C-alpha cells in the first residue's frame, strides 16, 4: 500500500465508530451479494484503505493506482461497456 493508503487504513481501524460504520456497510453489501447470481463478479471500485474483504472474501479489490493488496488496477471511467469482463 502507498503511505497515504496506509495512513487512511490506520485512521479507519483506529477509530471504533468509523470502523463499525464500514463494517455495517460491508455487511449490507455482503447480504445483497447473497441475492445475486453466483456466476458474476463482486468488484469494489476504489478499494483504497478499505477492508471489505474481511466481510466479502470473494471481492475483487480494485483502484486506479497500484498498491499491495489490490487484485487489479482499474480506471472506472474507462469501463464503458458493462459487459466487459475484468
PDB file of N, CA and C in Angstrom:
ATOM      1  N   UNK A   1       0.839  -1.188   0.000  1.00  0.00           N
ATOM      2  CA  UNK A   1       0.000   0.000   0.000  1.00  0.00           C
ATOM      3  C   UNK A   1       0.875   1.239   0.000  1.00  0.00           C
ATOM      4  N   UNK A   2       0.358   2.283  -0.586  1.00  0.00           N
ATOM      5  CA  UNK A   2       1.092   3.542  -0.532  1.00  0.00           C
ATOM      6  C   UNK A   2       1.010   4.100   0.877  1.00  0.00           C
ATOM      7  N   UNK A   3       1.872   5.037   1.178  1.00  0.00           N
ATOM      8  CA  UNK A   3       1.858   5.649   2.504  1.00  0.00           C
ATOM      9  C   UNK A   3       0.497   6.279   2.814  1.00  0.00           C
ATOM     10  N   UNK A   4      -0.079   6.977   1.838  1.00  0.00           N
ATOM     11  CA  UNK A   4      -1.376   7.630   2.050  1.00  0.00           C
ATOM     12  C   UNK A   4      -2.472   6.609   2.325  1.00  0.00           C
ATOM     13  N   UNK A   5      -2.458   5.499   1.605  1.00  0.00           N
ATOM     14  CA  UNK A   5      -3.469   4.461   1.810  1.00  0.00           C
ATOM     15  C   UNK A   5      -3.296   3.833   3.186  1.00  0.00           C
ATOM     16  N   UNK A   6      -2.051   3.554   3.567  1.00  0.00           N
ATOM     17  CA  UNK A   6      -1.784   3.005   4.898  1.00  0.00           C
ATOM     18  C   UNK A   6      -2.273   3.938   5.991  1.00  0.00           C
ATOM     19  N   UNK A   7      -2.061   5.220   5.809  1.00  0.00           N
ATOM     20  CA  UNK A   7      -2.499   6.204   6.803  1.00  0.00           C
ATOM     21  C   UNK A   7      -4.014   6.221   6.921  1.00  0.00           C
ATOM     22  N   UNK A   8      -4.728   6.155   5.772  1.00  0.00           N
ATOM     23  CA  UNK A   8      -6.201   6.127   5.812  1.00  0.00           C
ATOM     24  C   UNK A   8      -6.702   4.865   6.488  1.00  0.00           C
ATOM     25  N   UNK A   9      -6.070   3.727   6.165  1.00  0.00           N
ATOM     26  CA  UNK A   9      -6.466   2.468   6.775  1.00  0.00           C
ATOM     27  C   UNK A   9      -6.285   2.534   8.291  1.00  0.00           C
ATOM     28  N   UNK A  10      -5.143   3.030   8.735  1.00  0.00           N
ATOM     29  CA  UNK A  10      -4.877   3.144  10.167  1.00  0.00           C
ATOM     30  C   UNK A  10      -5.885   4.068  10.838  1.00  0.00           C
ATOM     31  N   UNK A  11      -6.263   5.129  10.144  1.00  0.00           N
ATOM     32  CA  UNK A  11      -7.238   6.062  10.695  1.00  0.00           C
ATOM     33  C   UNK A  11      -8.599   5.386  10.859  1.00  0.00           C
ATOM     34  N   UNK A  12      -8.980   4.578   9.879  1.00  0.00           N
ATOM     35  CA  UNK A  12     -10.274   3.896   9.940  1.00  0.00           C
ATOM     36  C   UNK A  12     -10.298   2.868  11.067  1.00  0.00           C
ATOM     37  N   UNK A  13      -9.315   1.977  11.072  1.00  0.00           N
ATOM     38  CA  UNK A  13      -9.337   0.916  12.076  1.00  0.00           C
ATOM     39  C   UNK A  13      -9.064   1.439  13.478  1.00  0.00           C
ATOM     40  N   UNK A  14      -8.423   2.585  13.574  1.00  0.00           N
ATOM     41  CA  UNK A  14      -8.130   3.161  14.879  1.00  0.00           C
ATOM     42  C   UNK A  14      -9.287   3.906  15.510  1.00  0.00           C
ATOM     43  N   UNK A  15     -10.324   4.172  14.745  1.00  0.00           N
ATOM     44  CA  UNK A  15     -11.495   4.875  15.271  1.00  0.00           C
ATOM     45  C   UNK A  15     -12.661   3.898  15.310  1.00  0.00           C
ATOM     46  N   UNK A  16     -13.050   3.530  16.502  1.00  0.00           N
ATOM     47  CA  UNK A  16     -14.049   2.496  16.695  1.00  0.00           C
ATOM     48  C   UNK A  16     -15.339   2.779  15.920  1.00  0.00           C
ATOM     49  N   UNK A  17     -15.882   3.972  16.036  1.00  0.00           N
ATOM     50  CA  UNK A  17     -17.155   4.292  15.379  1.00  0.00           C
ATOM     51  C   UNK A  17     -17.023   4.228  13.853  1.00  0.00           C
ATOM     52  N   UNK A  18     -15.904   4.701  13.322  1.00  0.00           N
ATOM     53  CA  UNK A  18     -15.705   4.676  11.879  1.00  0.00           C
ATOM     54  C   UNK A  18     -15.560   3.237  11.376  1.00  0.00           C
ATOM     55  N   UNK A  19     -14.810   2.438  12.089  1.00  0.00           N
ATOM     56  CA  UNK A  19     -14.672   1.034  11.691  1.00  0.00           C
ATOM     57  C   UNK A  19     -16.022   0.330  11.754  1.00  0.00           C
ATOM     58  N   UNK A  20     -16.789   0.552  12.793  1.00  0.00           N
ATOM     59  CA  UNK A  20     -18.121  -0.068  12.912  1.00  0.00           C
ATOM     60  C   UNK A  20     -19.017   0.363  11.754  1.00  0.00           C
ATOM     61  N   UNK A  21     -18.923   1.639  11.341  1.00  0.00           N
ATOM     62  CA  UNK A  21     -19.702   2.122  10.202  1.00  0.00           C
ATOM     63  C   UNK A  21     -19.348   1.323   8.943  1.00  0.00           C
ATOM     64  N   UNK A  22     -18.035   1.211   8.647  1.00  0.00           N
ATOM     65  CA  UNK A  22     -17.606   0.467   7.466  1.00  0.00           C
ATOM     66  C   UNK A  22     -18.022  -0.999   7.564  1.00  0.00           C
ATOM     67  N   UNK A  23     -17.892  -1.594   8.727  1.00  0.00           N
ATOM     68  CA  UNK A  23     -18.304  -2.986   8.898  1.00  0.00           C
ATOM     69  C   UNK A  23     -19.788  -3.163   8.589  1.00  0.00           C
ATOM     70  N   UNK A  24     -20.618  -2.245   9.027  1.00  0.00           N
ATOM     71  CA  UNK A  24     -22.056  -2.307   8.758  1.00  0.00           C
ATOM     72  C   UNK A  24     -22.339  -2.167   7.267  1.00  0.00           C
ATOM     73  N   UNK A  25     -21.653  -1.246   6.608  1.00  0.00           N
ATOM     74  CA  UNK A  25     -21.832  -1.059   5.159  1.00  0.00           C
ATOM     75  C   UNK A  25     -21.410  -2.322   4.415  1.00  0.00           C
ATOM     76  N   UNK A  26     -20.251  -2.866   4.744  1.00  0.00           N
ATOM     77  CA  UNK A  26     -19.764  -4.062   4.063  1.00  0.00           C
ATOM     78  C   UNK A  26     -20.681  -5.251   4.323  1.00  0.00           C
ATOM     79  N   UNK A  27     -21.252  -5.319   5.496  1.00  0.00           N
ATOM     80  CA  UNK A  27     -22.187  -6.403   5.796  1.00  0.00           C
ATOM     81  C   UNK A  27     -23.441  -6.281   4.931  1.00  0.00           C
ATOM     82  N   UNK A  28     -23.917  -5.062   4.689  1.00  0.00           N
ATOM     83  CA  UNK A  28     -25.063  -4.856   3.792  1.00  0.00           C
ATOM     84  C   UNK A  28     -24.691  -5.252   2.360  1.00  0.00           C
ATOM     85  N   UNK A  29     -23.494  -4.895   1.925  1.00  0.00           N
ATOM     86  CA  UNK A  29     -23.034  -5.318   0.597  1.00  0.00           C
ATOM     87  C   UNK A  29     -23.038  -6.845   0.501  1.00  0.00           C
ATOM     88  N   UNK A  30     -22.481  -7.497   1.519  1.00  0.00           N
ATOM     89  CA  UNK A  30     -22.420  -8.956   1.525  1.00  0.00           C
ATOM     90  C   UNK A  30     -23.813  -9.557   1.431  1.00  0.00           C
ATOM     91  N   UNK A  31     -24.752  -9.015   2.173  1.00  0.00           N
ATOM     92  CA  UNK A  31     -26.129  -9.515   2.148  1.00  0.00           C
ATOM     93  C   UNK A  31     -26.751  -9.353   0.762  1.00  0.00           C
ATOM     94  N   UNK A  32     -26.487  -8.228   0.105  1.00  0.00           N
ATOM     95  CA  UNK A  32     -27.011  -8.025  -1.251  1.00  0.00           C
ATOM     96  C   UNK A  32     -26.377  -8.991  -2.239  1.00  0.00           C
ATOM     97  N   UNK A  33     -25.095  -9.257  -2.069  1.00  0.00           N
ATOM     98  CA  UNK A  33     -24.413 -10.190  -2.963  1.00  0.00           C
ATOM     99  C   UNK A  33     -24.985 -11.597  -2.852  1.00  0.00           C
ATOM    100  N   UNK A  34     -25.484 -11.949  -1.682  1.00  0.00           N
ATOM    101  CA  UNK A  34     -26.110 -13.256  -1.496  1.00  0.00           C
ATOM    102  C   UNK A  34     -27.334 -13.410  -2.389  1.00  0.00           C
ATOM    103  N   UNK A  35     -27.931 -12.294  -2.804  1.00  0.00           N
ATOM    104  CA  UNK A  35     -29.124 -12.311  -3.652  1.00  0.00           C
ATOM    105  C   UNK A  35     -28.781 -12.327  -5.143  1.00  0.00           C
ATOM    106  N   UNK A  36     -27.511 -12.195  -5.474  1.00  0.00           N
ATOM    107  CA  UNK A  36     -27.069 -12.113  -6.875  1.00  0.00           C
ATOM    108  C   UNK A  36     -26.706 -13.491  -7.415  1.00  0.00           C
ATOM    109  N   UNK A  37     -26.737 -13.637  -8.745  1.00  0.00           N
ATOM    110  CA  UNK A  37     -26.297 -14.907  -9.349  1.00  0.00           C
ATOM    111  C   UNK A  37     -24.851 -15.215  -8.959  1.00  0.00           C
ATOM    112  N   UNK A  38     -24.573 -16.470  -8.723  1.00  0.00           N
ATOM    113  CA  UNK A  38     -23.243 -16.887  -8.275  1.00  0.00           C
ATOM    114  C   UNK A  38     -22.180 -16.817  -9.357  1.00  0.00           C
ATOM    115  N   UNK A  39     -22.579 -16.720 -10.624  1.00  0.00           N
ATOM    116  CA  UNK A  39     -21.593 -16.741 -11.696  1.00  0.00           C
ATOM    117  C   UNK A  39     -21.049 -15.358 -12.035  1.00  0.00           C
ATOM    118  N   UNK A  40     -21.444 -14.335 -11.303  1.00  0.00           N
ATOM    119  CA  UNK A  40     -20.951 -12.988 -11.543  1.00  0.00           C
ATOM    120  C   UNK A  40     -19.723 -12.670 -10.720  1.00  0.00           C
ATOM    121  N   UNK A  41     -19.243 -11.454 -10.873  1.00  0.00           N
ATOM    122  CA  UNK A  41     -18.080 -10.979 -10.129  1.00  0.00           C
ATOM    123  C   UNK A  41     -18.512  -9.933  -9.117  1.00  0.00           C
ATOM    124  N   UNK A  42     -17.866  -9.911  -7.982  1.00  0.00           N
ATOM    125  CA  UNK A  42     -18.071  -8.873  -6.975  1.00  0.00           C
ATOM    126  C   UNK A  42     -16.841  -7.975  -7.019  1.00  0.00           C
ATOM    127  N   UNK A  43     -17.023  -6.742  -7.469  1.00  0.00           N
ATOM    128  CA  UNK A  43     -15.905  -5.819  -7.672  1.00  0.00           C
ATOM    129  C   UNK A  43     -16.087  -4.590  -6.794  1.00  0.00           C
ATOM    130  N   UNK A  44     -15.043  -4.235  -6.078  1.00  0.00           N
ATOM    131  CA  UNK A  44     -15.040  -2.982  -5.324  1.00  0.00           C
ATOM    132  C   UNK A  44     -14.193  -1.987  -6.107  1.00  0.00           C
ATOM    133  N   UNK A  45     -14.835  -0.968  -6.639  1.00  0.00           N
ATOM    134  CA  UNK A  45     -14.113   0.090  -7.349  1.00  0.00           C
ATOM    135  C   UNK A  45     -13.582   1.082  -6.331  1.00  0.00           C
ATOM    136  N   UNK A  46     -12.310   1.361  -6.396  1.00  0.00           N
ATOM    137  CA  UNK A  46     -11.722   2.313  -5.453  1.00  0.00           C
ATOM    138  C   UNK A  46     -11.589   1.727  -4.066  1.00  0.00           C
ATOM    139  N   UNK A  47     -10.918   0.597  -3.950  1.00  0.00           N
ATOM    140  CA  UNK A  47     -10.792  -0.086  -2.664  1.00  0.00           C
ATOM    141  C   UNK A  47     -10.077   0.753  -1.624  1.00  0.00           C
ATOM    142  N   UNK A  48      -9.128   1.561  -2.056  1.00  0.00           N
ATOM    143  CA  UNK A  48      -8.455   2.485  -1.141  1.00  0.00           C
ATOM    144  C   UNK A  48      -8.039   1.825   0.152  1.00  0.00           C
ATOM    145  N   UNK A  49      -8.347   2.450   1.243  1.00  0.00           N
ATOM    146  CA  UNK A  49      -7.947   1.953   2.552  1.00  0.00           C
ATOM    147  C   UNK A  49      -8.985   1.022   3.152  1.00  0.00           C
ATOM    148  N   UNK A  50      -9.928   0.589   2.355  1.00  0.00           N
ATOM    149  CA  UNK A  50     -10.999  -0.260   2.861  1.00  0.00           C
ATOM    150  C   UNK A  50     -10.520  -1.640   3.272  1.00  0.00           C
ATOM    151  N   UNK A  51     -11.359  -2.334   3.959  1.00  0.00           N
ATOM    152  CA  UNK A  51     -11.073  -3.696   4.391  1.00  0.00           C
ATOM    153  C   UNK A  51     -12.296  -4.570   4.133  1.00  0.00           C
ATOM    154  N   UNK A  52     -12.935  -4.332   2.986  1.00  0.00           N
ATOM    155  CA  UNK A  52     -14.170  -5.037   2.644  1.00  0.00           C
ATOM    156  C   UNK A  52     -13.974  -6.544   2.557  1.00  0.00           C
ATOM    157  N   UNK A  53     -12.797  -6.985   2.157  1.00  0.00           N
ATOM    158  CA  UNK A  53     -12.594  -8.432   2.015  1.00  0.00           C
ATOM    159  C   UNK A  53     -12.627  -9.171   3.346  1.00  0.00           C
ATOM    160  N   UNK A  54     -12.549  -8.460   4.442  1.00  0.00           N
ATOM    161  CA  UNK A  54     -12.745  -9.138   5.727  1.00  0.00           C
ATOM    162  C   UNK A  54     -14.176  -9.649   5.827  1.00  0.00           C
ATOM    163  N   UNK A  55     -15.101  -8.978   5.185  1.00  0.00           N
ATOM    164  CA  UNK A  55     -16.520  -9.365   5.185  1.00  0.00           C
ATOM    165  C   UNK A  55     -16.918 -10.097   3.913  1.00  0.00           C
ATOM    166  N   UNK A  56     -16.224  -9.789   2.800  1.00  0.00           N
ATOM    167  CA  UNK A  56     -16.580 -10.346   1.490  1.00  0.00           C
ATOM    168  C   UNK A  56     -15.301 -10.903   0.859  1.00  0.00           C
ATOM    169  N   UNK A  57     -14.906 -12.118   1.239  1.00  0.00           N
ATOM    170  CA  UNK A  57     -13.621 -12.663   0.782  1.00  0.00           C
ATOM    171  C   UNK A  57     -13.486 -12.790  -0.733  1.00  0.00           C
ATOM    172  N   UNK A  58     -14.587 -13.004  -1.436  1.00  0.00           N
ATOM    173  CA  UNK A  58     -14.517 -13.189  -2.889  1.00  0.00           C
ATOM    174  C   UNK A  58     -14.436 -11.877  -3.659  1.00  0.00           C
ATOM    175  N   UNK A  59     -14.471 -10.779  -2.968  1.00  0.00           N
ATOM    176  CA  UNK A  59     -14.444  -9.456  -3.574  1.00  0.00           C
ATOM    177  C   UNK A  59     -13.163  -9.232  -4.369  1.00  0.00           C
ATOM    178  N   UNK A  60     -13.295  -8.652  -5.556  1.00  0.00           N
ATOM    179  CA  UNK A  60     -12.141  -8.259  -6.360  1.00  0.00           C
ATOM    180  C   UNK A  60     -11.846  -6.801  -6.032  1.00  0.00           C
ATOM    181  N   UNK A  61     -10.728  -6.564  -5.368  1.00  0.00           N
ATOM    182  CA  UNK A  61     -10.354  -5.217  -4.939  1.00  0.00           C
ATOM    183  C   UNK A  61      -9.640  -4.491  -6.070  1.00  0.00           C
ATOM    184  N   UNK A  62     -10.129  -3.302  -6.418  1.00  0.00           N
ATOM    185  CA  UNK A  62      -9.529  -2.519  -7.495  1.00  0.00           C
ATOM    186  C   UNK A  62      -9.316  -1.080  -7.052  1.00  0.00           C
ATOM    187  N   UNK A  63      -8.417  -0.421  -7.743  1.00  0.00           N
ATOM    188  CA  UNK A  63      -8.222   1.013  -7.561  1.00  0.00           C
ATOM    189  C   UNK A  63      -7.543   1.541  -8.814  1.00  0.00           C
ATOM    190  N   UNK A  64      -7.492   2.838  -8.938  1.00  0.00           N
ATOM    191  CA  UNK A  64      -6.912   3.457 -10.128  1.00  0.00           C
ATOM    192  C   UNK A  64      -5.385   3.482 -10.067  1.00  0.00           C
ATOM    193  N   UNK A  65      -4.814   3.332  -8.881  1.00  0.00           N
ATOM    194  CA  UNK A  65      -3.361   3.244  -8.729  1.00  0.00           C
ATOM    195  C   UNK A  65      -3.011   1.891  -8.120  1.00  0.00           C
ATOM    196  N   UNK A  66      -1.845   1.410  -8.433  1.00  0.00           N
ATOM    197  CA  UNK A  66      -1.429   0.096  -7.950  1.00  0.00           C
ATOM    198  C   UNK A  66      -0.799   0.205  -6.567  1.00  0.00           C
ATOM    199  N   UNK A  67      -1.180  -0.702  -5.698  1.00  0.00           N
ATOM    200  CA  UNK A  67      -0.542  -0.851  -4.394  1.00  0.00           C
ATOM    201  C   UNK A  67      -0.821  -2.255  -3.885  1.00  0.00           C
ATOM    202  N   UNK A  68      -0.082  -2.664  -2.895  1.00  0.00           N
ATOM    203  CA  UNK A  68      -0.215  -4.014  -2.350  1.00  0.00           C
ATOM    204  C   UNK A  68      -1.634  -4.251  -1.846  1.00  0.00           C
ATOM    205  N   UNK A  69      -2.122  -5.447  -2.079  1.00  0.00           N
ATOM    206  CA  UNK A  69      -3.447  -5.815  -1.607  1.00  0.00           C
ATOM    207  C   UNK A  69      -4.531  -5.717  -2.662  1.00  0.00           C
ATOM    208  N   UNK A  70      -4.226  -5.073  -3.789  1.00  0.00           N
ATOM    209  CA  UNK A  70      -5.206  -4.974  -4.870  1.00  0.00           C
ATOM    210  C   UNK A  70      -5.163  -6.231  -5.727  1.00  0.00           C
ATOM    211  N   UNK A  71      -6.316  -6.538  -6.329  1.00  0.00           N
ATOM    212  CA  UNK A  71      -6.359  -7.615  -7.311  1.00  0.00           C
ATOM    213  C   UNK A  71      -6.099  -7.073  -8.712  1.00  0.00           C
ATOM    214  N   UNK A  72      -6.610  -5.871  -8.956  1.00  0.00           N
ATOM    215  CA  UNK A  72      -6.488  -5.281 -10.290  1.00  0.00           C
ATOM    216  C   UNK A  72      -6.431  -3.765 -10.205  1.00  0.00           C
ATOM    217  N   UNK A  73      -5.732  -3.166 -11.161  1.00  0.00           N
ATOM    218  CA  UNK A  73      -5.754  -1.720 -11.338  1.00  0.00           C
ATOM    219  C   UNK A  73      -6.807  -1.443 -12.399  1.00  0.00           C
ATOM    220  N   UNK A  74      -7.810  -0.622 -12.052  1.00  0.00           N
ATOM    221  CA  UNK A  74      -8.936  -0.354 -12.952  1.00  0.00           C
ATOM    222  C   UNK A  74      -9.271   1.133 -12.900  1.00  0.00           C
ATOM    223  N   UNK A  75      -9.408   1.717 -14.084  1.00  0.00           N
ATOM    224  CA  UNK A  75      -9.904   3.090 -14.184  1.00  0.00           C
ATOM    225  C   UNK A  75     -11.393   2.988 -14.501  1.00  0.00           C
ATOM    226  N   UNK A  76     -12.236   3.269 -13.541  1.00  0.00           N
ATOM    227  CA  UNK A  76     -13.681   3.109 -13.716  1.00  0.00           C
ATOM    228  C   UNK A  76     -14.223   3.967 -14.849  1.00  0.00           C
ATOM    229  N   UNK A  77     -13.573   5.082 -15.154  1.00  0.00           N
ATOM    230  CA  UNK A  77     -14.057   5.932 -16.246  1.00  0.00           C
ATOM    231  C   UNK A  77     -13.826   5.284 -17.599  1.00  0.00           C
ATOM    232  N   UNK A  78     -12.961   4.288 -17.647  1.00  0.00           N
ATOM    233  CA  UNK A  78     -12.685   3.586 -18.898  1.00  0.00           C
ATOM    234  C   UNK A  78     -13.572   2.352 -19.065  1.00  0.00           C
ATOM    235  N   UNK A  79     -14.416   2.077 -18.094  1.00  0.00           N
ATOM    236  CA  UNK A  79     -15.297   0.922 -18.154  1.00  0.00           C
ATOM    237  C   UNK A  79     -16.600   1.299 -18.847  1.00  0.00           C
ATOM    238  N   UNK A  80     -16.527   1.518 -20.141  1.00  0.00           N
ATOM    239  CA  UNK A  80     -17.688   1.990 -20.867  1.00  0.00           C
ATOM    240  C   UNK A  80     -18.653   0.889 -21.234  1.00  0.00           C
ATOM    241  N   UNK A  81     -18.181  -0.347 -21.294  1.00  0.00           N
ATOM    242  CA  UNK A  81     -19.025  -1.462 -21.652  1.00  0.00           C
ATOM    243  C   UNK A  81     -19.253  -2.343 -20.434  1.00  0.00           C
ATOM    244  N   UNK A  82     -20.460  -2.322 -19.863  1.00  0.00           N
ATOM    245  CA  UNK A  82     -20.711  -3.103 -18.658  1.00  0.00           C
ATOM    246  C   UNK A  82     -20.531  -4.603 -18.861  1.00  0.00           C
ATOM    247  N   UNK A  83     -20.543  -5.071 -20.112  1.00  0.00           N
ATOM    248  CA  UNK A  83     -20.360  -6.491 -20.380  1.00  0.00           C
ATOM    249  C   UNK A  83     -18.892  -6.883 -20.416  1.00  0.00           C
ATOM    250  N   UNK A  84     -17.996  -5.896 -20.388  1.00  0.00           N
ATOM    251  CA  UNK A  84     -16.565  -6.187 -20.422  1.00  0.00           C
ATOM    252  C   UNK A  84     -16.156  -6.895 -19.140  1.00  0.00           C
ATOM    253  N   UNK A  85     -15.469  -7.988 -19.313  1.00  0.00           N
ATOM    254  CA  UNK A  85     -15.016  -8.737 -18.133  1.00  0.00           C
ATOM    255  C   UNK A  85     -13.623  -8.277 -17.729  1.00  0.00           C
ATOM    256  N   UNK A  86     -13.395  -8.279 -16.446  1.00  0.00           N
ATOM    257  CA  UNK A  86     -12.072  -7.940 -15.953  1.00  0.00           C
ATOM    258  C   UNK A  86     -11.203  -9.121 -16.189  1.00  0.00           C
TER     259      UNK A  86
END
